[in-house]
Amino acid sequence: MWPTVAVGARAPCRPAVFVLLLGLAACGSGVSDDPGALEGAALETPWTKTFRAVERDGYRIVDIEASVVTWGGTAGGPPQRARLVLVPRGQQPPPLTGDLAGATLIETPVQRIAVNDQAHEAMLRALGVKDRIVAVGGHNSYDDDLRQKVRSGELQRIEYGWHKPPTLDALVAARPDVLIAHMADLTHTQHLERVEALGIPFVPTFIDAEPHYLGRTAWVLLMGLLTGKEAEAEAFVAQVAREVDRLKEIAAEQPRRSVLWAWYRSGGNRWAVTQRNAEAALIRDANAELVLGAEDDPELDTFSELSTERLLRDGTGADCWMIRDPVSSVFDDRAVLQRFKAYQDECVFWTPGKRHPTADSWELWEMGTIRPDWQLADIVKMVHPELRDGEWRYLAPETWKADYAGAGTH
């Protein structure tokens, strides 16, 4: 069990990045814009800035709070809030009055779970409860068993939250105890109102919203609360944090270097340049300066669009360059590349992301979401050539091979 400390007042609002918090307030279910003080013994939830939990009279209360940040843009609108009441099966639930008015009541441990994001699947796998999944977003599961069950119809397909709102017919057919929902668009809120009206509790998740990369891992703690796997969740988060500390210590012993993290946007003279927040923290913790970096800001997305001219003006001196992700276009203009130190020194890398050999799926966006230590290990090796032993997990040197140059996905 998590350690607890007594608290009697509501914590200050805590920001989030690149997220829509779709709680009951957003869906008009009765939770006020500010539900006020939350009495109870605080459960320790390290790293996360988007949720907190307390224990009271044998049940748990979880508060989630964040604002909307558009892709590559800024926050819009006031923070949204949700309050969940997690009551063990067989225990009399508290009346949803006072500070619990309008909250979502969920019996725990949940046994039938619908999810609409691959990171949710990863969390449940990490806790050993994959068998409780009754619906997923679609056919892109990295896990062979889940993907095959979707194709055979054994698991319902409810659509991925970053693409569409949940398909209600499929969701109802799955008969879940709870829908764990990643939402990427305000227009999806009306669909969640309908989900709630059908009697299906939903838990909004905002993994990408966390200002620090370990905050994404911390969402496993909430999954532990839901599934009765609190001890396993705590052990998982602690293991990842220990490995991160080990890698930071190793990197700190090396000379400080610099990294440009910029991916070419096909069809124009634009680059998606990582500047702040969680991804920037990975570079800093690898003992490197993030070239073109900016101050962390929870009201802005992690990256900004900049021109090739801006990269040529301010980015050519970077020691290393992370130039694309698994689905980015290849940039192979040698006249431009030659002007970058990273290209001349053969320290230009891309992110294959460990693609599944027979599926349109990448481990980077599944288990990699909650294992930032795996990402940090690769970045440390990229930045510090003296540490390049063993295999790469997510990164690889860019080679500009003719068989994929100019292709859109790899």
Protein backbone atom coordinates (compact mmCIF):
# COMPACT_ATOMS: atom_id res chain seq x y z
CA MET A 1 0.00 0.00 0.00
CA TRP A 2 1.09 3.59 -0.56
CA PRO A 3 2.19 5.63 2.43
CA THR A 4 -0.33 8.26 3.56
CA VAL A 5 -0.17 11.60 5.30
CA ALA A 6 -3.09 13.52 6.74
CA VAL A 7 -4.33 16.48 4.74
CA GLY A 8 -7.31 18.73 5.18
CA ALA A 9 -7.20 21.25 2.34
CA ARG A 10 -7.29 21.19 -1.40
CA ALA A 11 -3.91 21.28 -3.11
CA PRO A 12 -3.21 24.19 -5.49
CA CYS A 13 -4.25 23.74 -9.09
CA ARG A 14 -1.62 21.79 -10.98
CA PRO A 15 -1.06 22.36 -14.71
CA ALA A 16 -0.83 19.91 -17.59
CA VAL A 17 0.42 19.93 -21.16
CA PHE A 18 -1.14 18.90 -24.49
CA VAL A 19 -4.32 17.64 -22.94
CA LEU A 20 -8.01 17.90 -22.55
CA LEU A 21 -9.20 16.96 -19.10
CA LEU A 22 -12.61 15.48 -19.68
CA GLY A 23 -14.06 15.12 -16.26
CA LEU A 24 -17.59 15.34 -15.05
CA ALA A 25 -17.42 19.11 -14.93
CA ALA A 26 -16.73 19.16 -18.66
CA CYS A 27 -19.60 16.77 -19.28
CA GLY A 28 -22.08 18.73 -17.22
CA SER A 29 -22.66 16.02 -14.62
CA GLY A 30 -22.74 18.27 -11.61
CA VAL A 31 -19.14 18.69 -10.44
CA SER A 32 -18.51 22.38 -9.98
CA ASP A 33 -15.67 24.28 -11.60
CA ASP A 34 -13.93 24.11 -8.22
CA PRO A 35 -15.16 21.21 -6.06
CA GLY A 36 -13.34 22.70 -3.06
CA ALA A 37 -11.43 21.14 -0.18
CA LEU A 38 -10.91 17.40 -0.21
CA GLU A 39 -10.60 15.81 3.23
CA GLY A 40 -8.65 12.58 3.71
CA ALA A 41 -5.24 10.97 3.99
CA ALA A 42 -3.20 11.76 0.91
CA LEU A 43 -1.85 8.81 -1.04
CA GLU A 44 1.67 9.35 -2.26
CA THR A 45 1.63 9.91 -6.03
CA PRO A 46 5.14 11.04 -6.97
CA TRP A 47 5.87 12.87 -10.22
CA THR A 48 2.32 13.36 -11.45
CA LYS A 49 0.96 16.89 -11.73
CA THR A 50 -2.43 16.01 -13.17
CA PHE A 51 -4.03 13.86 -10.48
CA ARG A 52 -3.94 13.27 -6.74
CA ALA A 53 -5.66 10.78 -4.46
CA VAL A 54 -6.78 10.56 -0.85
CA GLU A 55 -8.19 7.78 1.32
CA ARG A 56 -11.26 8.30 3.45
CA ASP A 57 -13.30 5.77 5.42
CA GLY A 58 -11.99 2.82 3.43
CA TYR A 59 -12.52 4.29 -0.04
CA ARG A 60 -10.39 6.49 -2.31
CA ILE A 61 -11.07 9.80 -4.00
CA VAL A 62 -9.10 10.85 -7.07
CA ASP A 63 -9.00 14.41 -8.42
CA ILE A 64 -7.83 15.09 -11.96
CA GLU A 65 -7.22 18.57 -13.33
CA ALA A 66 -5.79 20.07 -16.53
CA SER A 67 -6.33 22.49 -19.40
CA VAL A 68 -6.55 22.02 -23.16
CA VAL A 69 -3.37 22.62 -25.14
CA THR A 70 -3.67 22.38 -28.91
CA TRP A 71 -1.19 20.29 -30.90
CA GLY A 72 1.91 22.42 -31.30
CA GLY A 73 0.06 25.36 -29.77
CA THR A 74 -1.24 26.90 -26.57
CA ALA A 75 -3.80 26.27 -23.84
CA GLY A 76 -7.38 27.32 -24.44
CA GLY A 77 -10.07 27.77 -21.83
CA PRO A 78 -10.02 27.31 -18.05
CA PRO A 79 -8.82 24.13 -16.34
CA GLN A 80 -11.28 21.23 -16.37
CA ARG A 81 -11.76 18.96 -13.37
CA ALA A 82 -12.97 15.46 -12.52
CA ARG A 83 -13.49 13.70 -9.20
CA LEU A 84 -13.63 9.89 -8.93
CA VAL A 85 -14.83 7.91 -5.92
CA LEU A 86 -13.32 4.41 -5.81
CA VAL A 87 -15.21 2.11 -3.44
CA PRO A 88 -14.23 -1.53 -2.74
CA ARG A 89 -16.85 -4.04 -3.84
CA GLY A 90 -19.10 -5.02 -0.97
CA GLN A 91 -18.60 -1.74 0.88
CA GLN A 92 -21.48 0.70 1.21
CA PRO A 93 -20.65 3.67 -1.04
CA PRO A 94 -20.74 7.14 0.49
CA PRO A 95 -23.55 9.51 -0.50
CA LEU A 96 -22.49 11.66 -3.44
CA THR A 97 -23.19 14.88 -1.60
CA GLY A 98 -21.06 17.70 -0.26
CA ASP A 99 -17.58 17.54 -1.72
CA LEU A 100 -18.56 14.34 -3.59
CA ALA A 101 -21.55 15.86 -5.36
CA GLY A 102 -21.48 14.95 -9.05
CA ALA A 103 -18.43 12.68 -8.70
CA THR A 104 -18.07 9.41 -10.61
CA LEU A 105 -18.60 6.29 -8.49
CA ILE A 106 -16.51 3.24 -9.44
CA GLU A 107 -16.51 -0.15 -7.69
CA THR A 108 -13.04 -1.61 -7.31
CA PRO A 109 -11.23 -3.68 -8.27
CA VAL A 110 -12.63 -3.28 -11.77
CA GLN A 111 -12.76 -6.56 -13.70
CA ARG A 112 -13.90 -5.54 -17.20
CA ILE A 113 -11.98 -2.63 -18.69
CA ALA A 114 -12.37 -0.75 -21.97
CA VAL A 115 -9.43 1.37 -23.13
CA ASN A 116 -8.90 3.62 -26.13
CA ASP A 117 -5.15 4.14 -26.12
CA GLN A 118 -2.16 1.83 -26.46
CA ALA A 119 -0.51 3.30 -23.37
CA HIS A 120 -3.49 2.08 -21.32
CA GLU A 121 -2.84 -1.43 -22.63
CA ALA A 122 0.79 -1.10 -21.57
CA MET A 123 -0.15 -0.07 -18.03
CA LEU A 124 -2.52 -2.99 -17.59
CA ARG A 125 0.08 -5.37 -19.01
CA ALA A 126 2.65 -4.02 -16.55
CA LEU A 127 0.25 -4.77 -13.68
CA GLY A 128 -0.52 -8.27 -14.92
CA VAL A 129 -4.21 -7.62 -15.62
CA LYS A 130 -4.24 -7.63 -19.42
CA ASP A 131 -6.89 -10.34 -19.26
CA ARG A 132 -9.38 -7.80 -17.87
CA ILE A 133 -9.38 -5.80 -21.11
CA VAL A 134 -12.67 -6.23 -23.00
CA ALA A 135 -12.31 -3.44 -25.58
CA VAL A 136 -9.43 -1.54 -27.20
CA GLY A 137 -9.07 1.25 -29.70
CA GLY A 138 -8.44 -0.89 -32.75
CA HIS A 139 -5.98 -3.16 -34.55
CA ASN A 140 -2.82 -1.29 -33.57
CA SER A 141 -2.07 -3.11 -30.33
CA TYR A 142 1.61 -3.94 -29.97
CA ASP A 143 0.60 -7.01 -27.99
CA ASP A 144 -0.01 -9.97 -30.33
CA ASP A 145 -2.70 -11.51 -28.16
CA LEU A 146 -4.76 -8.33 -27.92
CA ARG A 147 -4.43 -7.58 -31.61
CA GLN A 148 -5.52 -11.07 -32.63
CA LYS A 149 -8.51 -10.95 -30.30
CA VAL A 150 -9.64 -7.69 -31.89
CA ARG A 151 -9.33 -9.18 -35.37
CA SER A 152 -11.31 -12.27 -34.33
CA GLY A 153 -14.01 -10.19 -32.66
CA GLU A 154 -13.29 -11.50 -29.17
CA LEU A 155 -12.43 -7.94 -28.10
CA GLN A 156 -14.55 -4.96 -29.12
CA ARG A 157 -13.04 -2.12 -31.16
CA ILE A 158 -14.10 1.29 -29.82
CA GLU A 159 -11.67 3.59 -31.76
CA TYR A 160 -8.55 5.34 -30.51
CA GLY A 161 -9.06 8.48 -28.45
CA TRP A 162 -6.53 10.48 -30.43
CA HIS A 163 -8.57 9.80 -33.57
CA LYS A 164 -12.27 9.44 -32.73
CA PRO A 165 -14.69 9.41 -29.80
CA PRO A 166 -15.67 5.96 -28.51
CA THR A 167 -18.05 3.91 -30.65
CA LEU A 168 -21.04 3.47 -28.38
CA ASP A 169 -22.44 0.26 -29.86
CA ALA A 170 -19.11 -1.52 -29.47
CA LEU A 171 -18.63 -0.09 -26.00
CA VAL A 172 -22.02 -1.29 -24.80
CA ALA A 173 -21.42 -4.72 -26.32
CA ALA A 174 -18.18 -5.00 -24.33
CA ARG A 175 -20.04 -4.53 -21.02
CA PRO A 176 -17.11 -2.82 -19.26
CA ASP A 177 -17.02 -1.88 -15.59
CA VAL A 178 -15.17 1.26 -16.63
CA LEU A 179 -13.98 3.10 -19.74
CA ILE A 180 -10.44 4.42 -19.41
CA ALA A 181 -10.47 7.20 -21.96
CA HIS A 182 -7.75 9.29 -23.54
CA MET A 183 -9.39 12.28 -25.19
CA ALA A 184 -7.76 14.54 -27.73
CA ASP A 185 -10.55 16.89 -28.77
CA LEU A 186 -13.18 18.96 -26.98
CA THR A 187 -15.80 17.78 -29.45
CA HIS A 188 -15.58 14.31 -27.89
CA THR A 189 -17.14 15.53 -24.63
CA GLN A 190 -20.70 15.10 -25.89
CA HIS A 191 -19.96 11.45 -26.62
CA LEU A 192 -18.74 10.92 -23.07
CA GLU A 193 -21.96 12.44 -21.79
CA ARG A 194 -23.72 9.64 -23.63
CA VAL A 195 -21.32 7.05 -22.19
CA GLU A 196 -22.12 8.30 -18.71
CA ALA A 197 -25.85 8.24 -19.45
CA LEU A 198 -25.47 4.57 -20.38
CA GLY A 199 -24.19 3.87 -16.89
CA ILE A 200 -20.55 3.27 -17.86
CA PRO A 201 -18.14 5.14 -15.56
CA PHE A 202 -15.21 6.69 -17.38
CA VAL A 203 -11.77 7.70 -16.21
CA PRO A 204 -10.11 10.46 -18.23
CA THR A 205 -6.36 9.92 -18.66
CA PHE A 206 -3.82 12.56 -19.58
CA ILE A 207 -0.52 10.77 -19.84
CA ASP A 208 0.92 13.19 -22.38
CA ALA A 209 -0.16 16.08 -20.17
CA GLU A 210 2.50 15.52 -17.55
CA PRO A 211 5.17 18.25 -17.47
CA HIS A 212 7.83 15.65 -16.57
CA TYR A 213 8.30 12.31 -18.30
CA LEU A 214 8.11 10.36 -15.03
CA GLY A 215 4.65 11.82 -14.55
CA ARG A 216 3.53 9.57 -17.41
CA THR A 217 4.82 6.56 -15.51
CA ALA A 218 2.92 7.70 -12.43
CA TRP A 219 -0.39 7.04 -14.18
CA VAL A 220 0.30 3.37 -13.49
CA LEU A 221 -0.47 4.23 -9.84
CA LEU A 222 -4.01 5.22 -10.77
CA MET A 223 -4.41 1.99 -12.73
CA GLY A 224 -3.26 0.16 -9.62
CA LEU A 225 -5.98 1.84 -7.58
CA LEU A 226 -8.61 0.86 -10.12
CA THR A 227 -7.52 -2.76 -10.42
CA GLY A 228 -6.51 -3.59 -6.86
CA LYS A 229 -2.83 -3.73 -7.85
CA GLU A 230 -1.53 -0.86 -5.72
CA ALA A 231 1.61 -2.66 -4.54
CA GLU A 232 2.53 -3.78 -8.06
CA ALA A 233 2.00 -0.25 -9.37
CA GLU A 234 4.14 1.29 -6.66
CA ALA A 235 6.94 -1.21 -7.36
CA PHE A 236 6.79 -0.50 -11.10
CA VAL A 237 7.05 3.26 -10.70
CA ALA A 238 9.87 2.92 -8.17
CA GLN A 239 11.80 0.61 -10.51
CA VAL A 240 11.58 3.07 -13.41
CA ALA A 241 12.59 6.00 -11.19
CA ARG A 242 15.63 4.10 -9.88
CA GLU A 243 16.79 3.30 -13.40
CA VAL A 244 16.34 6.94 -14.41
CA ASP A 245 18.51 8.01 -11.47
CA ARG A 246 21.18 5.48 -12.45
CA LEU A 247 21.27 6.74 -16.04
CA LYS A 248 21.42 10.37 -14.93
CA GLU A 249 24.42 9.60 -12.73
CA ILE A 250 26.23 7.90 -15.61
CA ALA A 251 25.49 10.79 -17.98
CA ALA A 252 26.61 13.37 -15.42
CA GLU A 253 30.11 11.86 -15.48
CA GLN A 254 30.47 12.69 -19.19
CA PRO A 255 31.28 16.07 -20.77
CA ARG A 256 28.15 18.13 -21.37
CA ARG A 257 27.03 18.13 -25.01
CA SER A 258 24.15 19.58 -27.04
CA VAL A 259 21.20 18.16 -28.97
CA LEU A 260 18.89 19.54 -31.64
CA TRP A 261 15.54 17.70 -31.65
CA ALA A 262 13.80 18.74 -34.87
CA TRP A 263 11.63 16.72 -37.25
CA TYR A 264 10.90 17.82 -40.81
CA ARG A 265 7.29 18.58 -41.66
CA SER A 266 6.76 17.37 -45.23
CA GLY A 267 5.19 19.72 -47.72
CA GLY A 268 6.76 22.91 -46.44
CA ASN A 269 9.79 24.65 -45.06
CA ARG A 270 8.84 23.82 -41.46
CA TRP A 271 10.25 21.74 -38.63
CA ALA A 272 8.64 20.47 -35.43
CA VAL A 273 11.27 21.52 -32.90
CA THR A 274 11.15 20.15 -29.36
CA GLN A 275 11.69 23.02 -26.96
CA ARG A 276 10.20 22.34 -23.52
CA ASN A 277 8.51 20.13 -20.94
CA ALA A 278 8.75 16.31 -20.78
CA GLU A 279 10.83 15.66 -23.90
CA ALA A 280 13.16 18.52 -23.03
CA ALA A 281 13.67 16.96 -19.60
CA LEU A 282 14.92 13.76 -21.22
CA ILE A 283 17.63 15.74 -23.03
CA ARG A 284 18.61 17.67 -19.91
CA ASP A 285 18.82 14.49 -17.85
CA ALA A 286 21.14 13.00 -20.47
CA ASN A 287 23.54 15.84 -19.53
CA ALA A 288 22.95 17.82 -22.70
CA GLU A 289 21.76 21.28 -23.67
CA LEU A 290 18.64 21.32 -25.84
CA VAL A 291 19.48 23.60 -28.75
CA LEU A 292 16.61 26.00 -29.49
CA GLY A 293 15.14 24.98 -26.14
CA ALA A 294 12.81 27.26 -24.25
CA GLU A 295 11.56 27.60 -20.70
CA ASP A 296 9.16 24.88 -19.60
CA ASP A 297 5.58 26.07 -19.86
CA PRO A 298 2.50 23.95 -19.08
CA GLU A 299 0.42 26.28 -21.24
CA LEU A 300 2.40 25.34 -24.37
CA ASP A 301 2.94 22.07 -26.22
CA THR A 302 6.36 20.44 -26.10
CA PHE A 303 7.29 21.60 -29.62
CA SER A 304 6.95 24.63 -31.88
CA GLU A 305 7.05 24.90 -35.65
CA LEU A 306 10.18 26.68 -36.87
CA SER A 307 11.61 27.30 -40.33
CA THR A 308 14.72 25.81 -41.94
CA GLU A 309 16.16 29.32 -41.86
CA ARG A 310 15.78 29.39 -38.07
CA LEU A 311 17.53 26.01 -37.77
CA LEU A 312 20.37 27.27 -39.96
CA ARG A 313 20.68 30.40 -37.88
CA ASP A 314 20.64 28.87 -34.40
CA GLY A 315 20.95 25.08 -34.65
CA THR A 316 23.97 24.22 -36.74
CA GLY A 317 26.34 23.93 -33.76
CA ALA A 318 24.50 21.08 -32.03
CA ASP A 319 26.66 18.03 -31.31
CA CYS A 320 23.80 15.62 -32.12
CA TRP A 321 20.52 15.84 -33.98
CA MET A 322 17.35 13.78 -33.47
CA ILE A 323 15.90 14.31 -36.92
CA ARG A 324 12.66 12.29 -37.18
CA ASP A 325 10.24 9.95 -35.49
CA PRO A 326 8.84 6.66 -36.85
CA VAL A 327 6.37 8.35 -39.21
CA SER A 328 8.20 11.55 -40.17
CA SER A 329 9.42 12.31 -43.66
CA VAL A 330 13.11 11.92 -44.45
CA PHE A 331 14.99 15.16 -44.96
CA ASP A 332 17.86 14.53 -47.37
CA ASP A 333 18.85 17.93 -48.72
CA ARG A 334 22.63 17.46 -48.46
CA ALA A 335 23.37 21.14 -49.10
CA VAL A 336 21.46 22.01 -45.94
CA LEU A 337 22.64 19.01 -43.91
CA GLN A 338 26.30 19.77 -44.60
CA ARG A 339 25.99 22.98 -42.64
CA PHE A 340 25.22 21.13 -39.38
CA LYS A 341 28.00 19.96 -37.08
CA ALA A 342 25.95 16.89 -36.12
CA TYR A 343 25.81 15.78 -39.76
CA GLN A 344 29.52 16.35 -40.26
CA ASP A 345 30.30 14.37 -37.09
CA GLU A 346 27.85 11.56 -37.97
CA CYS A 347 25.69 12.14 -34.91
CA VAL A 348 22.31 12.40 -36.62
CA PHE A 349 19.76 9.92 -35.24
CA TRP A 350 16.16 9.01 -35.91
CA THR A 351 13.57 7.08 -33.90
CA PRO A 352 12.54 3.74 -35.43
CA GLY A 353 10.60 3.24 -32.19
CA LYS A 354 10.84 -0.59 -32.27
CA ARG A 355 8.14 -1.24 -34.81
CA HIS A 356 6.26 -4.52 -34.56
CA PRO A 357 7.47 -6.65 -37.50
CA THR A 358 3.97 -7.67 -38.61
CA ALA A 359 1.76 -4.83 -37.37
CA ASP A 360 1.37 -1.08 -37.79
CA SER A 361 2.46 -0.53 -34.21
CA TRP A 362 5.48 0.77 -32.31
CA GLU A 363 6.59 -0.12 -28.80
CA LEU A 364 7.73 3.49 -28.31
CA TRP A 365 4.11 4.63 -28.18
CA GLU A 366 2.96 1.69 -26.06
CA MET A 367 5.22 0.42 -23.26
CA GLY A 368 7.73 3.14 -24.10
CA THR A 369 5.24 5.73 -22.84
CA ILE A 370 5.57 4.44 -19.27
CA ARG A 371 9.22 3.34 -19.56
CA PRO A 372 11.03 6.65 -20.12
CA ASP A 373 14.14 4.99 -18.72
CA TRP A 374 14.31 3.00 -21.96
CA GLN A 375 14.17 6.23 -23.94
CA LEU A 376 16.69 7.95 -21.69
CA ALA A 377 19.14 5.06 -22.06
CA ASP A 378 19.19 5.52 -25.84
CA ILE A 379 19.52 9.30 -25.59
CA VAL A 380 22.45 8.99 -23.17
CA LYS A 381 24.21 6.69 -25.65
CA MET A 382 23.50 9.03 -28.55
CA VAL A 383 24.80 12.09 -26.72
CA HIS A 384 27.89 10.42 -25.25
CA PRO A 385 29.72 8.22 -27.81
CA GLU A 386 31.91 6.72 -25.06
CA LEU A 387 28.79 4.99 -23.69
CA ARG A 388 27.62 3.38 -26.93
CA ASP A 389 27.65 -0.25 -25.93
CA GLY A 390 24.85 -2.75 -26.36
CA GLU A 391 21.83 -2.54 -28.62
CA TRP A 392 19.66 0.48 -29.30
CA ARG A 393 16.00 0.15 -28.34
CA TYR A 394 14.29 3.15 -29.94
CA LEU A 395 17.00 5.19 -31.67
CA ALA A 396 19.24 4.47 -34.66
CA PRO A 397 21.80 6.45 -36.68
CA GLU A 398 20.22 8.15 -39.69
CA THR A 399 21.73 6.71 -42.87
CA TRP A 400 19.64 8.26 -45.67
CA LYS A 401 19.44 4.95 -47.50
CA ALA A 402 18.04 5.20 -51.01
CA ASP A 403 15.44 2.51 -50.33
CA TYR A 404 13.57 4.77 -47.94
CA ALA A 405 14.66 8.29 -48.79
CA GLY A 406 11.64 10.47 -49.39
CA ALA A 407 9.17 7.93 -48.01
CA GLY A 408 6.66 9.14 -45.46
CA THR A 409 6.78 6.24 -42.98
CA HIS A 410 9.45 3.79 -41.94
